[in-house]
Amino acid sequence: MYLETKRLILVPAYKINVKKVLEYLIKNKEFLKPYEPKKMKNIIKFGIKKNY
């Protein structure tokens, strides 16, 4: 099941192509920066702890 309008397509998370989402986020990093939440010092991504 998904919802679609002229400007938006919502799909269940399990159907999302993670590679495409990451490519979008990387490509638009500077534009999205003001909208991103502030990161904590220690973040866990994909089960790997990273120190920022």
N, C-alpha and C. Protein backbone atom coordinates (compact mmCIF):
# COMPACT_ATOMS: atom_id res chain seq x y z
N MET A 1 0.83 -1.18 0.00
CA MET A 1 0.00 0.00 0.00
C MET A 1 0.88 1.25 0.00
N TYR A 2 0.50 2.26 -0.74
CA TYR A 2 1.19 3.53 -0.72
C TYR A 2 0.21 4.64 -1.07
N LEU A 3 0.59 5.85 -0.73
CA LEU A 3 -0.22 7.03 -1.03
C LEU A 3 0.54 7.89 -2.02
N GLU A 4 -0.16 8.40 -3.02
CA GLU A 4 0.51 9.19 -4.05
C GLU A 4 -0.30 10.43 -4.39
N THR A 5 0.40 11.56 -4.50
CA THR A 5 -0.18 12.81 -4.98
C THR A 5 0.70 13.30 -6.14
N LYS A 6 0.40 14.46 -6.67
CA LYS A 6 1.22 15.00 -7.76
C LYS A 6 2.66 15.24 -7.32
N ARG A 7 2.85 15.61 -6.04
CA ARG A 7 4.17 16.00 -5.56
C ARG A 7 4.79 15.04 -4.55
N LEU A 8 4.09 13.98 -4.16
CA LEU A 8 4.57 13.14 -3.07
C LEU A 8 4.14 11.70 -3.26
N ILE A 9 5.05 10.79 -2.92
CA ILE A 9 4.73 9.37 -2.88
C ILE A 9 5.19 8.84 -1.52
N LEU A 10 4.26 8.29 -0.75
CA LEU A 10 4.58 7.69 0.54
C LEU A 10 4.50 6.18 0.41
N VAL A 11 5.58 5.51 0.77
CA VAL A 11 5.63 4.05 0.71
C VAL A 11 6.03 3.52 2.08
N PRO A 12 5.64 2.29 2.39
CA PRO A 12 6.05 1.70 3.67
C PRO A 12 7.58 1.64 3.76
N ALA A 13 8.11 1.80 4.96
CA ALA A 13 9.56 1.84 5.16
C ALA A 13 10.25 0.57 4.63
N TYR A 14 9.62 -0.56 4.72
CA TYR A 14 10.27 -1.79 4.26
C TYR A 14 10.42 -1.85 2.75
N LYS A 15 9.76 -0.97 2.02
CA LYS A 15 9.87 -0.95 0.56
C LYS A 15 10.81 0.15 0.05
N ILE A 16 11.36 0.93 0.95
CA ILE A 16 12.21 2.04 0.56
C ILE A 16 13.57 1.53 0.09
N ASN A 17 14.05 2.11 -0.99
CA ASN A 17 15.38 1.79 -1.49
C ASN A 17 16.38 2.64 -0.71
N VAL A 18 17.05 2.05 0.25
CA VAL A 18 17.94 2.77 1.15
C VAL A 18 19.05 3.48 0.38
N LYS A 19 19.58 2.85 -0.65
CA LYS A 19 20.66 3.46 -1.43
C LYS A 19 20.19 4.78 -2.06
N LYS A 20 19.00 4.80 -2.61
CA LYS A 20 18.48 6.03 -3.21
C LYS A 20 18.25 7.12 -2.17
N VAL A 21 17.77 6.74 -1.00
CA VAL A 21 17.54 7.72 0.07
C VAL A 21 18.87 8.33 0.51
N LEU A 22 19.89 7.49 0.72
CA LEU A 22 21.20 7.99 1.12
C LEU A 22 21.81 8.88 0.05
N GLU A 23 21.67 8.51 -1.21
CA GLU A 23 22.18 9.34 -2.30
C GLU A 23 21.50 10.71 -2.30
N TYR A 24 20.19 10.73 -2.07
CA TYR A 24 19.45 11.99 -2.01
C TYR A 24 19.95 12.86 -0.86
N LEU A 25 20.11 12.25 0.32
CA LEU A 25 20.55 13.01 1.49
C LEU A 25 21.96 13.57 1.31
N ILE A 26 22.84 12.79 0.71
CA ILE A 26 24.21 13.25 0.47
C ILE A 26 24.21 14.37 -0.56
N LYS A 27 23.47 14.19 -1.64
CA LYS A 27 23.42 15.19 -2.71
C LYS A 27 22.87 16.52 -2.20
N ASN A 28 21.92 16.48 -1.28
CA ASN A 28 21.23 17.68 -0.80
C ASN A 28 21.64 18.07 0.62
N LYS A 29 22.80 17.62 1.05
CA LYS A 29 23.25 17.82 2.43
C LYS A 29 23.22 19.29 2.85
N GLU A 30 23.80 20.16 2.05
CA GLU A 30 23.87 21.58 2.41
C GLU A 30 22.48 22.22 2.46
N PHE A 31 21.63 21.89 1.52
CA PHE A 31 20.28 22.43 1.51
C PHE A 31 19.48 21.97 2.73
N LEU A 32 19.65 20.71 3.10
CA LEU A 32 18.88 20.14 4.21
C LEU A 32 19.44 20.48 5.59
N LYS A 33 20.67 20.97 5.65
CA LYS A 33 21.34 21.22 6.93
C LYS A 33 20.49 22.04 7.91
N PRO A 34 19.84 23.13 7.49
CA PRO A 34 19.04 23.91 8.46
C PRO A 34 17.84 23.14 9.01
N TYR A 35 17.43 22.09 8.34
CA TYR A 35 16.24 21.33 8.75
C TYR A 35 16.58 20.07 9.53
N GLU A 36 17.85 19.72 9.57
CA GLU A 36 18.29 18.52 10.27
C GLU A 36 18.33 18.78 11.77
N PRO A 37 17.94 17.79 12.57
CA PRO A 37 18.07 17.96 14.02
C PRO A 37 19.54 17.95 14.41
N LYS A 38 19.87 18.61 15.51
CA LYS A 38 21.25 18.60 16.00
C LYS A 38 21.60 17.18 16.41
N LYS A 39 22.80 16.77 16.05
CA LYS A 39 23.27 15.41 16.34
C LYS A 39 23.84 15.34 17.75
N MET A 40 23.64 14.20 18.37
CA MET A 40 24.24 13.96 19.68
C MET A 40 25.71 13.63 19.46
N LYS A 41 26.52 13.73 20.53
CA LYS A 41 27.94 13.45 20.40
C LYS A 41 28.19 12.00 19.98
N ASN A 42 27.47 11.08 20.57
CA ASN A 42 27.62 9.66 20.22
C ASN A 42 26.35 9.21 19.52
N ILE A 43 26.50 8.80 18.29
CA ILE A 43 25.35 8.38 17.50
C ILE A 43 25.56 6.93 17.08
N ILE A 44 24.51 6.17 17.10
CA ILE A 44 24.58 4.79 16.64
C ILE A 44 23.90 4.71 15.29
N LYS A 45 24.64 4.30 14.27
CA LYS A 45 24.09 4.15 12.93
C LYS A 45 24.35 2.72 12.47
N PHE A 46 23.32 2.05 12.08
CA PHE A 46 23.42 0.69 11.56
C PHE A 46 24.23 -0.21 12.50
N GLY A 47 24.04 0.00 13.80
CA GLY A 47 24.69 -0.85 14.79
C GLY A 47 26.15 -0.51 15.04
N ILE A 48 26.67 0.57 14.49
CA ILE A 48 28.07 0.95 14.70
C ILE A 48 28.10 2.29 15.42
N LYS A 49 28.78 2.33 16.54
CA LYS A 49 28.87 3.57 17.31
C LYS A 49 29.90 4.48 16.67
N LYS A 50 29.52 5.73 16.44
CA LYS A 50 30.44 6.71 15.85
C LYS A 50 30.53 7.89 16.78
N ASN A 51 31.70 8.43 16.94
CA ASN A 51 31.91 9.63 17.74
C ASN A 51 32.05 10.82 16.81
N TYR A 52 31.21 11.83 17.01
CA TYR A 52 31.27 13.03 16.18
C TYR A 52 31.76 14.19 16.99
